[in-house]
Amino acid sequence: TSMLERPPDFDFVDLYIPSNPFNSLANNIVPAVVLFSIVLGV
């Protein structure tokens, strides 16, 4: 079926921008946790 169908696009915003950092921590979303930590550190 790869000849015919396309999967949904990646949602980079949800992956990298943590609207809820505690949710990212609880669900092991590492990119979002790292970005949150960098923002706090800066």
All heavy atoms as atom14 arrays in JSON, in Angstrom:
{
  "sequence": "TSMLERPPDFDFVDLYIPSNPFNSLANNIVPAVVLFSIVLGV",
  "atom14_mask": [
    [1, 1, 1, 1, 1, 1, 1, 0, 0, 0, 0, 0, 0, 0],
    [1, 1, 1, 1, 1, 1, 0, 0, 0, 0, 0, 0, 0, 0],
    [1, 1, 1, 1, 1, 1, 1, 1, 0, 0, 0, 0, 0, 0],
    [1, 1, 1, 1, 1, 1, 1, 1, 0, 0, 0, 0, 0, 0],
    [1, 1, 1, 1, 1, 1, 1, 1, 1, 0, 0, 0, 0, 0],
    [1, 1, 1, 1, 1, 1, 1, 1, 1, 1, 1, 0, 0, 0],
    [1, 1, 1, 1, 1, 1, 1, 0, 0, 0, 0, 0, 0, 0],
    [1, 1, 1, 1, 1, 1, 1, 0, 0, 0, 0, 0, 0, 0],
    [1, 1, 1, 1, 1, 1, 1, 1, 0, 0, 0, 0, 0, 0],
    [1, 1, 1, 1, 1, 1, 1, 1, 1, 1, 1, 0, 0, 0],
    [1, 1, 1, 1, 1, 1, 1, 1, 0, 0, 0, 0, 0, 0],
    [1, 1, 1, 1, 1, 1, 1, 1, 1, 1, 1, 0, 0, 0],
    [1, 1, 1, 1, 1, 1, 1, 0, 0, 0, 0, 0, 0, 0],
    [1, 1, 1, 1, 1, 1, 1, 1, 0, 0, 0, 0, 0, 0],
    [1, 1, 1, 1, 1, 1, 1, 1, 0, 0, 0, 0, 0, 0],
    [1, 1, 1, 1, 1, 1, 1, 1, 1, 1, 1, 1, 0, 0],
    [1, 1, 1, 1, 1, 1, 1, 1, 0, 0, 0, 0, 0, 0],
    [1, 1, 1, 1, 1, 1, 1, 0, 0, 0, 0, 0, 0, 0],
    [1, 1, 1, 1, 1, 1, 0, 0, 0, 0, 0, 0, 0, 0],
    [1, 1, 1, 1, 1, 1, 1, 1, 0, 0, 0, 0, 0, 0],
    [1, 1, 1, 1, 1, 1, 1, 0, 0, 0, 0, 0, 0, 0],
    [1, 1, 1, 1, 1, 1, 1, 1, 1, 1, 1, 0, 0, 0],
    [1, 1, 1, 1, 1, 1, 1, 1, 0, 0, 0, 0, 0, 0],
    [1, 1, 1, 1, 1, 1, 0, 0, 0, 0, 0, 0, 0, 0],
    [1, 1, 1, 1, 1, 1, 1, 1, 0, 0, 0, 0, 0, 0],
    [1, 1, 1, 1, 1, 0, 0, 0, 0, 0, 0, 0, 0, 0],
    [1, 1, 1, 1, 1, 1, 1, 1, 0, 0, 0, 0, 0, 0],
    [1, 1, 1, 1, 1, 1, 1, 1, 0, 0, 0, 0, 0, 0],
    [1, 1, 1, 1, 1, 1, 1, 1, 0, 0, 0, 0, 0, 0],
    [1, 1, 1, 1, 1, 1, 1, 0, 0, 0, 0, 0, 0, 0],
    [1, 1, 1, 1, 1, 1, 1, 0, 0, 0, 0, 0, 0, 0],
    [1, 1, 1, 1, 1, 0, 0, 0, 0, 0, 0, 0, 0, 0],
    [1, 1, 1, 1, 1, 1, 1, 0, 0, 0, 0, 0, 0, 0],
    [1, 1, 1, 1, 1, 1, 1, 0, 0, 0, 0, 0, 0, 0],
    [1, 1, 1, 1, 1, 1, 1, 1, 0, 0, 0, 0, 0, 0],
    [1, 1, 1, 1, 1, 1, 1, 1, 1, 1, 1, 0, 0, 0],
    [1, 1, 1, 1, 1, 1, 0, 0, 0, 0, 0, 0, 0, 0],
    [1, 1, 1, 1, 1, 1, 1, 1, 0, 0, 0, 0, 0, 0],
    [1, 1, 1, 1, 1, 1, 1, 0, 0, 0, 0, 0, 0, 0],
    [1, 1, 1, 1, 1, 1, 1, 1, 0, 0, 0, 0, 0, 0],
    [1, 1, 1, 1, 0, 0, 0, 0, 0, 0, 0, 0, 0, 0],
    [1, 1, 1, 1, 1, 1, 1, 0, 0, 0, 0, 0, 0, 0]
  ],
  "atom14_positions": [
    [[0.82, -1.22, 0.0], [0.0, 0.0, 0.0], [0.85, 1.26, 0.0], [0.31, 2.36, -0.18], [-0.92, 0.03, 1.23], [-0.13, -0.12, 2.41], [-1.94, -1.09, 1.17], [0.0, 0.0, 0.0], [0.0, 0.0, 0.0], [0.0, 0.0, 0.0], [0.0, 0.0, 0.0], [0.0, 0.0, 0.0], [0.0, 0.0, 0.0], [0.0, 0.0, 0.0]],
    [[2.16, 1.14, 0.2], [3.01, 2.34, 0.17], [2.97, 3.0, -1.21], [3.3, 4.18, -1.34], [4.45, 1.98, 0.51], [4.99, 1.15, -0.48], [0.0, 0.0, 0.0], [0.0, 0.0, 0.0], [0.0, 0.0, 0.0], [0.0, 0.0, 0.0], [0.0, 0.0, 0.0], [0.0, 0.0, 0.0], [0.0, 0.0, 0.0], [0.0, 0.0, 0.0]],
    [[2.59, 2.24, -2.24], [2.46, 2.83, -3.56], [1.3, 3.81, -3.63], [1.24, 4.65, -4.52], [2.21, 1.72, -4.6], [3.27, 0.65, -4.67], [2.78, -0.65, -5.83], [4.1, -1.82, -5.62], [0.0, 0.0, 0.0], [0.0, 0.0, 0.0], [0.0, 0.0, 0.0], [0.0, 0.0, 0.0], [0.0, 0.0, 0.0], [0.0, 0.0, 0.0]],
    [[0.36, 3.71, -2.68], [-0.89, 4.43, -2.8], [-1.13, 5.44, -1.69], [-1.83, 6.44, -1.91], [-2.06, 3.43, -2.79], [-1.88, 2.15, -3.62], [-3.05, 1.23, -3.38], [-1.75, 2.49, -5.08], [0.0, 0.0, 0.0], [0.0, 0.0, 0.0], [0.0, 0.0, 0.0], [0.0, 0.0, 0.0], [0.0, 0.0, 0.0], [0.0, 0.0, 0.0]],
    [[-0.62, 5.2, -0.48], [-1.02, 6.0, 0.67], [0.15, 6.78, 1.23], [1.3, 6.41, 1.06], [-1.59, 5.09, 1.77], [-2.82, 4.31, 1.31], [-3.25, 3.28, 2.34], [-2.54, 3.13, 3.35], [-4.28, 2.63, 2.12], [0.0, 0.0, 0.0], [0.0, 0.0, 0.0], [0.0, 0.0, 0.0], [0.0, 0.0, 0.0], [0.0, 0.0, 0.0]],
    [[-0.17, 7.86, 1.94], [0.83, 8.67, 2.62], [0.51, 8.72, 4.11], [-0.63, 8.94, 4.49], [0.85, 10.1, 2.07], [1.29, 10.2, 0.63], [1.44, 11.66, 0.24], [2.48, 12.33, 1.0], [3.77, 12.32, 0.65], [4.15, 11.68, -0.41], [4.65, 12.96, 1.39], [0.0, 0.0, 0.0], [0.0, 0.0, 0.0], [0.0, 0.0, 0.0]],
    [[1.53, 8.54, 4.97], [1.29, 8.66, 6.41], [1.18, 10.11, 6.81], [1.55, 11.01, 6.07], [2.56, 8.02, 7.01], [3.61, 8.31, 5.99], [2.92, 8.24, 4.65], [0.0, 0.0, 0.0], [0.0, 0.0, 0.0], [0.0, 0.0, 0.0], [0.0, 0.0, 0.0], [0.0, 0.0, 0.0], [0.0, 0.0, 0.0], [0.0, 0.0, 0.0]],
    [[0.67, 10.39, 8.01], [0.59, 11.78, 8.48], [1.98, 12.38, 8.68], [2.93, 11.66, 8.96], [-0.16, 11.66, 9.82], [0.04, 10.25, 10.24], [0.12, 9.45, 8.99], [0.0, 0.0, 0.0], [0.0, 0.0, 0.0], [0.0, 0.0, 0.0], [0.0, 0.0, 0.0], [0.0, 0.0, 0.0], [0.0, 0.0, 0.0], [0.0, 0.0, 0.0]],
    [[2.09, 13.68, 8.52], [3.37, 14.36, 8.7], [3.76, 14.39, 10.17], [2.92, 14.29, 11.07], [3.29, 15.79, 8.16], [3.08, 15.83, 6.66], [3.5, 14.87, 5.99], [2.48, 16.81, 6.18], [0.0, 0.0, 0.0], [0.0, 0.0, 0.0], [0.0, 0.0, 0.0], [0.0, 0.0, 0.0], [0.0, 0.0, 0.0], [0.0, 0.0, 0.0]],
    [[5.04, 14.55, 10.4], [5.53, 14.69, 11.77], [5.04, 16.01, 12.38], [4.95, 17.02, 11.69], [7.05, 14.69, 11.8], [7.66, 13.34, 11.57], [8.28, 13.05, 10.38], [7.6, 12.38, 12.55], [8.85, 11.82, 10.17], [8.16, 11.13, 12.34], [8.79, 10.85, 11.15], [0.0, 0.0, 0.0], [0.0, 0.0, 0.0], [0.0, 0.0, 0.0]],
    [[4.75, 15.98, 13.67], [4.39, 17.2, 14.38], [5.59, 17.61, 15.23], [5.72, 17.23, 16.39], [3.16, 16.95, 15.26], [2.59, 18.25, 15.82], [3.33, 19.26, 15.82], [1.43, 18.26, 16.24], [0.0, 0.0, 0.0], [0.0, 0.0, 0.0], [0.0, 0.0, 0.0], [0.0, 0.0, 0.0], [0.0, 0.0, 0.0], [0.0, 0.0, 0.0]],
    [[6.51, 18.38, 14.62], [7.72, 18.78, 15.32], [7.4, 19.73, 16.48], [8.14, 19.77, 17.46], [8.68, 19.47, 14.35], [9.32, 18.52, 13.37], [8.87, 18.45, 12.07], [10.36, 17.7, 13.77], [9.46, 17.57, 11.17], [10.95, 16.83, 12.88], [10.5, 16.76, 11.57], [0.0, 0.0, 0.0], [0.0, 0.0, 0.0], [0.0, 0.0, 0.0]],
    [[6.31, 20.48, 16.37], [5.97, 21.43, 17.43], [5.68, 20.69, 18.73], [6.21, 21.02, 19.8], [4.77, 22.3, 17.01], [4.32, 23.18, 18.16], [5.13, 23.16, 15.8], [0.0, 0.0, 0.0], [0.0, 0.0, 0.0], [0.0, 0.0, 0.0], [0.0, 0.0, 0.0], [0.0, 0.0, 0.0], [0.0, 0.0, 0.0], [0.0, 0.0, 0.0]],
    [[4.82, 19.66, 18.65], [4.49, 18.9, 19.86], [5.7, 18.16, 20.4], [5.82, 17.95, 21.62], [3.37, 17.9, 19.55], [2.0, 18.57, 19.51], [1.92, 19.75, 19.88], [1.03, 17.92, 19.08], [0.0, 0.0, 0.0], [0.0, 0.0, 0.0], [0.0, 0.0, 0.0], [0.0, 0.0, 0.0], [0.0, 0.0, 0.0], [0.0, 0.0, 0.0]],
    [[6.59, 17.74, 19.5], [7.74, 16.96, 19.93], [8.77, 17.81, 20.67], [9.4, 17.36, 21.62], [8.4, 16.29, 18.71], [9.59, 15.37, 18.99], [9.15, 14.17, 19.84], [10.2, 14.89, 17.68], [0.0, 0.0, 0.0], [0.0, 0.0, 0.0], [0.0, 0.0, 0.0], [0.0, 0.0, 0.0], [0.0, 0.0, 0.0], [0.0, 0.0, 0.0]],
    [[8.91, 19.07, 20.24], [10.01, 19.87, 20.75], [9.59, 21.03, 21.65], [10.41, 21.56, 22.4], [10.85, 20.43, 19.59], [11.78, 19.4, 19.03], [11.38, 18.59, 17.97], [13.04, 19.2, 19.57], [12.22, 17.62, 17.47], [13.88, 18.24, 19.08], [13.47, 17.44, 18.02], [14.31, 16.47, 17.53], [0.0, 0.0, 0.0], [0.0, 0.0, 0.0]],
    [[8.34, 21.47, 21.57], [7.92, 22.6, 22.39], [6.94, 22.11, 23.45], [5.8, 21.76, 23.14], [7.29, 23.71, 21.53], [8.3, 24.18, 20.48], [6.84, 24.87, 22.4], [7.79, 25.26, 19.57], [0.0, 0.0, 0.0], [0.0, 0.0, 0.0], [0.0, 0.0, 0.0], [0.0, 0.0, 0.0], [0.0, 0.0, 0.0], [0.0, 0.0, 0.0]],
    [[7.36, 22.07, 24.72], [6.52, 21.5, 25.78], [5.51, 22.5, 26.33], [5.84, 23.33, 27.18], [7.54, 21.11, 26.85], [8.65, 22.09, 26.67], [8.69, 22.46, 25.21], [0.0, 0.0, 0.0], [0.0, 0.0, 0.0], [0.0, 0.0, 0.0], [0.0, 0.0, 0.0], [0.0, 0.0, 0.0], [0.0, 0.0, 0.0], [0.0, 0.0, 0.0]],
    [[4.29, 22.44, 25.87], [3.25, 23.3, 26.44], [3.0, 22.94, 27.9], [2.6, 23.78, 28.7], [1.95, 23.17, 25.64], [1.49, 21.82, 25.65], [0.0, 0.0, 0.0], [0.0, 0.0, 0.0], [0.0, 0.0, 0.0], [0.0, 0.0, 0.0], [0.0, 0.0, 0.0], [0.0, 0.0, 0.0], [0.0, 0.0, 0.0], [0.0, 0.0, 0.0]],
    [[3.26, 21.68, 28.25], [3.14, 21.23, 29.64], [4.39, 20.42, 29.97], [4.46, 19.23, 29.67], [1.88, 20.39, 29.82], [1.7, 19.94, 31.26], [2.58, 20.1, 32.11], [0.54, 19.37, 31.56], [0.0, 0.0, 0.0], [0.0, 0.0, 0.0], [0.0, 0.0, 0.0], [0.0, 0.0, 0.0], [0.0, 0.0, 0.0], [0.0, 0.0, 0.0]],
    [[5.42, 21.05, 30.57], [6.67, 20.33, 30.84], [6.48, 19.1, 31.71], [7.21, 18.11, 31.57], [7.53, 21.39, 31.55], [6.93, 22.7, 31.18], [5.47, 22.44, 31.0], [0.0, 0.0, 0.0], [0.0, 0.0, 0.0], [0.0, 0.0, 0.0], [0.0, 0.0, 0.0], [0.0, 0.0, 0.0], [0.0, 0.0, 0.0], [0.0, 0.0, 0.0]],
    [[5.52, 19.14, 32.61], [5.3, 17.99, 33.5], [4.74, 16.8, 32.72], [5.06, 15.64, 33.01], [4.37, 18.38, 34.65], [4.92, 19.48, 35.5], [4.47, 20.79, 35.37], [5.92, 19.22, 36.42], [5.0, 21.81, 36.14], [6.45, 20.23, 37.21], [5.99, 21.53, 37.07], [0.0, 0.0, 0.0], [0.0, 0.0, 0.0], [0.0, 0.0, 0.0]],
    [[3.94, 17.09, 31.7], [3.46, 16.02, 30.83], [4.62, 15.42, 30.05], [4.7, 14.19, 29.86], [2.4, 16.56, 29.87], [1.89, 15.51, 28.91], [1.2, 14.57, 29.3], [2.24, 15.64, 27.64], [0.0, 0.0, 0.0], [0.0, 0.0, 0.0], [0.0, 0.0, 0.0], [0.0, 0.0, 0.0], [0.0, 0.0, 0.0], [0.0, 0.0, 0.0]],
    [[5.54, 16.27, 29.59], [6.71, 15.78, 28.86], [7.59, 14.91, 29.75], [8.11, 13.87, 29.32], [7.52, 16.96, 28.31], [6.74, 17.74, 27.44], [0.0, 0.0, 0.0], [0.0, 0.0, 0.0], [0.0, 0.0, 0.0], [0.0, 0.0, 0.0], [0.0, 0.0, 0.0], [0.0, 0.0, 0.0], [0.0, 0.0, 0.0], [0.0, 0.0, 0.0]],
    [[7.74, 15.31, 31.0], [8.52, 14.51, 31.95], [7.84, 13.17, 32.22], [8.49, 12.12, 32.24], [8.7, 15.28, 33.26], [9.74, 16.41, 33.25], [9.53, 17.32, 34.45], [11.14, 15.83, 33.26], [0.0, 0.0, 0.0], [0.0, 0.0, 0.0], [0.0, 0.0, 0.0], [0.0, 0.0, 0.0], [0.0, 0.0, 0.0], [0.0, 0.0, 0.0]],
    [[6.52, 13.21, 32.42], [5.79, 11.98, 32.74], [5.77, 11.01, 31.58], [5.76, 9.79, 31.79], [4.35, 12.33, 33.16], [0.0, 0.0, 0.0], [0.0, 0.0, 0.0], [0.0, 0.0, 0.0], [0.0, 0.0, 0.0], [0.0, 0.0, 0.0], [0.0, 0.0, 0.0], [0.0, 0.0, 0.0], [0.0, 0.0, 0.0], [0.0, 0.0, 0.0]],
    [[5.78, 11.53, 30.34], [5.67, 10.67, 29.16], [7.01, 10.47, 28.45], [7.04, 9.98, 27.33], [4.65, 11.24, 28.18], [3.23, 11.16, 28.72], [2.6, 10.1, 28.69], [2.72, 12.27, 29.22], [0.0, 0.0, 0.0], [0.0, 0.0, 0.0], [0.0, 0.0, 0.0], [0.0, 0.0, 0.0], [0.0, 0.0, 0.0], [0.0, 0.0, 0.0]],
    [[8.1, 10.86, 29.12], [9.45, 10.59, 28.61], [9.67, 11.2, 27.22], [10.31, 10.6, 26.36], [9.7, 9.08, 28.57], [11.18, 8.77, 28.64], [11.93, 9.49, 29.29], [11.6, 7.71, 27.97], [0.0, 0.0, 0.0], [0.0, 0.0, 0.0], [0.0, 0.0, 0.0], [0.0, 0.0, 0.0], [0.0, 0.0, 0.0], [0.0, 0.0, 0.0]],
    [[9.14, 12.41, 26.99], [9.35, 13.11, 25.72], [10.65, 13.89, 25.87], [10.66, 15.08, 26.22], [8.16, 14.03, 25.39], [6.85, 13.23, 25.42], [8.33, 14.68, 24.03], [5.6, 14.07, 25.23], [0.0, 0.0, 0.0], [0.0, 0.0, 0.0], [0.0, 0.0, 0.0], [0.0, 0.0, 0.0], [0.0, 0.0, 0.0], [0.0, 0.0, 0.0]],
    [[11.76, 13.23, 25.59], [13.08, 13.76, 25.9], [13.37, 15.08, 25.18], [13.88, 16.03, 25.8], [14.16, 12.72, 25.59], [15.55, 13.28, 25.9], [13.92, 11.46, 26.4], [0.0, 0.0, 0.0], [0.0, 0.0, 0.0], [0.0, 0.0, 0.0], [0.0, 0.0, 0.0], [0.0, 0.0, 0.0], [0.0, 0.0, 0.0], [0.0, 0.0, 0.0]],
    [[13.1, 15.23, 23.87], [13.41, 16.51, 23.22], [12.74, 17.7, 23.91], [13.36, 18.75, 24.08], [12.88, 16.31, 21.79], [12.95, 14.84, 21.57], [12.61, 14.24, 22.88], [0.0, 0.0, 0.0], [0.0, 0.0, 0.0], [0.0, 0.0, 0.0], [0.0, 0.0, 0.0], [0.0, 0.0, 0.0], [0.0, 0.0, 0.0], [0.0, 0.0, 0.0]],
    [[11.46, 17.53, 24.29], [10.75, 18.62, 24.96], [11.35, 18.91, 26.34], [11.46, 20.07, 26.75], [9.26, 18.28, 25.09], [0.0, 0.0, 0.0], [0.0, 0.0, 0.0], [0.0, 0.0, 0.0], [0.0, 0.0, 0.0], [0.0, 0.0, 0.0], [0.0, 0.0, 0.0], [0.0, 0.0, 0.0], [0.0, 0.0, 0.0], [0.0, 0.0, 0.0]],
    [[11.75, 17.86, 27.06], [12.37, 18.06, 28.38], [13.69, 18.8, 28.25], [14.0, 19.71, 29.03], [12.58, 16.69, 29.07], [13.4, 16.85, 30.34], [11.23, 16.04, 29.39], [0.0, 0.0, 0.0], [0.0, 0.0, 0.0], [0.0, 0.0, 0.0], [0.0, 0.0, 0.0], [0.0, 0.0, 0.0], [0.0, 0.0, 0.0], [0.0, 0.0, 0.0]],
    [[14.49, 18.43, 27.24], [15.79, 19.09, 27.04], [15.59, 20.56, 26.7], [16.28, 21.44, 27.24], [16.58, 18.36, 25.94], [17.82, 19.17, 25.55], [16.98, 16.97, 26.41], [0.0, 0.0, 0.0], [0.0, 0.0, 0.0], [0.0, 0.0, 0.0], [0.0, 0.0, 0.0], [0.0, 0.0, 0.0], [0.0, 0.0, 0.0], [0.0, 0.0, 0.0]],
    [[14.65, 20.86, 25.8], [14.4, 22.26, 25.44], [13.94, 23.06, 26.66], [14.39, 24.19, 26.88], [13.36, 22.34, 24.32], [13.01, 23.75, 23.85], [14.24, 24.47, 23.31], [11.9, 23.72, 22.81], [0.0, 0.0, 0.0], [0.0, 0.0, 0.0], [0.0, 0.0, 0.0], [0.0, 0.0, 0.0], [0.0, 0.0, 0.0], [0.0, 0.0, 0.0]],
    [[13.05, 22.48, 27.45], [12.58, 23.14, 28.67], [13.74, 23.43, 29.62], [13.87, 24.53, 30.18], [11.53, 22.25, 29.35], [11.1, 22.72, 30.7], [10.39, 23.9, 30.87], [11.41, 21.97, 31.83], [9.99, 24.33, 32.13], [11.02, 22.38, 33.09], [10.3, 23.57, 33.24], [0.0, 0.0, 0.0], [0.0, 0.0, 0.0], [0.0, 0.0, 0.0]],
    [[14.64, 22.44, 29.75], [15.78, 22.61, 30.65], [16.73, 23.68, 30.13], [17.29, 24.47, 30.91], [16.52, 21.27, 30.81], [15.64, 20.27, 31.27], [0.0, 0.0, 0.0], [0.0, 0.0, 0.0], [0.0, 0.0, 0.0], [0.0, 0.0, 0.0], [0.0, 0.0, 0.0], [0.0, 0.0, 0.0], [0.0, 0.0, 0.0], [0.0, 0.0, 0.0]],
    [[16.95, 23.72, 28.81], [17.83, 24.73, 28.22], [17.26, 26.14, 28.45], [18.0, 27.07, 28.8], [18.04, 24.46, 26.72], [18.9, 23.19, 26.53], [18.7, 25.65, 26.03], [19.04, 22.76, 25.09], [0.0, 0.0, 0.0], [0.0, 0.0, 0.0], [0.0, 0.0, 0.0], [0.0, 0.0, 0.0], [0.0, 0.0, 0.0], [0.0, 0.0, 0.0]],
    [[15.95, 26.29, 28.26], [15.32, 27.59, 28.48], [15.51, 28.03, 29.93], [15.85, 29.2, 30.21], [13.82, 27.53, 28.11], [13.1, 28.8, 28.55], [13.66, 27.33, 26.61], [0.0, 0.0, 0.0], [0.0, 0.0, 0.0], [0.0, 0.0, 0.0], [0.0, 0.0, 0.0], [0.0, 0.0, 0.0], [0.0, 0.0, 0.0], [0.0, 0.0, 0.0]],
    [[15.29, 27.11, 30.89], [15.49, 27.45, 32.3], [16.94, 27.81, 32.58], [17.23, 28.77, 33.31], [15.05, 26.28, 33.18], [13.56, 25.99, 33.29], [13.33, 24.83, 34.26], [12.78, 27.22, 33.76], [0.0, 0.0, 0.0], [0.0, 0.0, 0.0], [0.0, 0.0, 0.0], [0.0, 0.0, 0.0], [0.0, 0.0, 0.0], [0.0, 0.0, 0.0]],
    [[17.87, 27.02, 32.01], [19.29, 27.28, 32.25], [19.73, 28.61, 31.7], [20.48, 29.36, 32.35], [0.0, 0.0, 0.0], [0.0, 0.0, 0.0], [0.0, 0.0, 0.0], [0.0, 0.0, 0.0], [0.0, 0.0, 0.0], [0.0, 0.0, 0.0], [0.0, 0.0, 0.0], [0.0, 0.0, 0.0], [0.0, 0.0, 0.0], [0.0, 0.0, 0.0]],
    [[19.28, 28.96, 30.49], [19.62, 30.25, 29.88], [19.03, 31.39, 30.71], [19.68, 32.43, 30.94], [19.13, 30.31, 28.42], [19.28, 31.72, 27.86], [19.9, 29.32, 27.56], [0.0, 0.0, 0.0], [0.0, 0.0, 0.0], [0.0, 0.0, 0.0], [0.0, 0.0, 0.0], [0.0, 0.0, 0.0], [0.0, 0.0, 0.0], [0.0, 0.0, 0.0]]
  ]
}
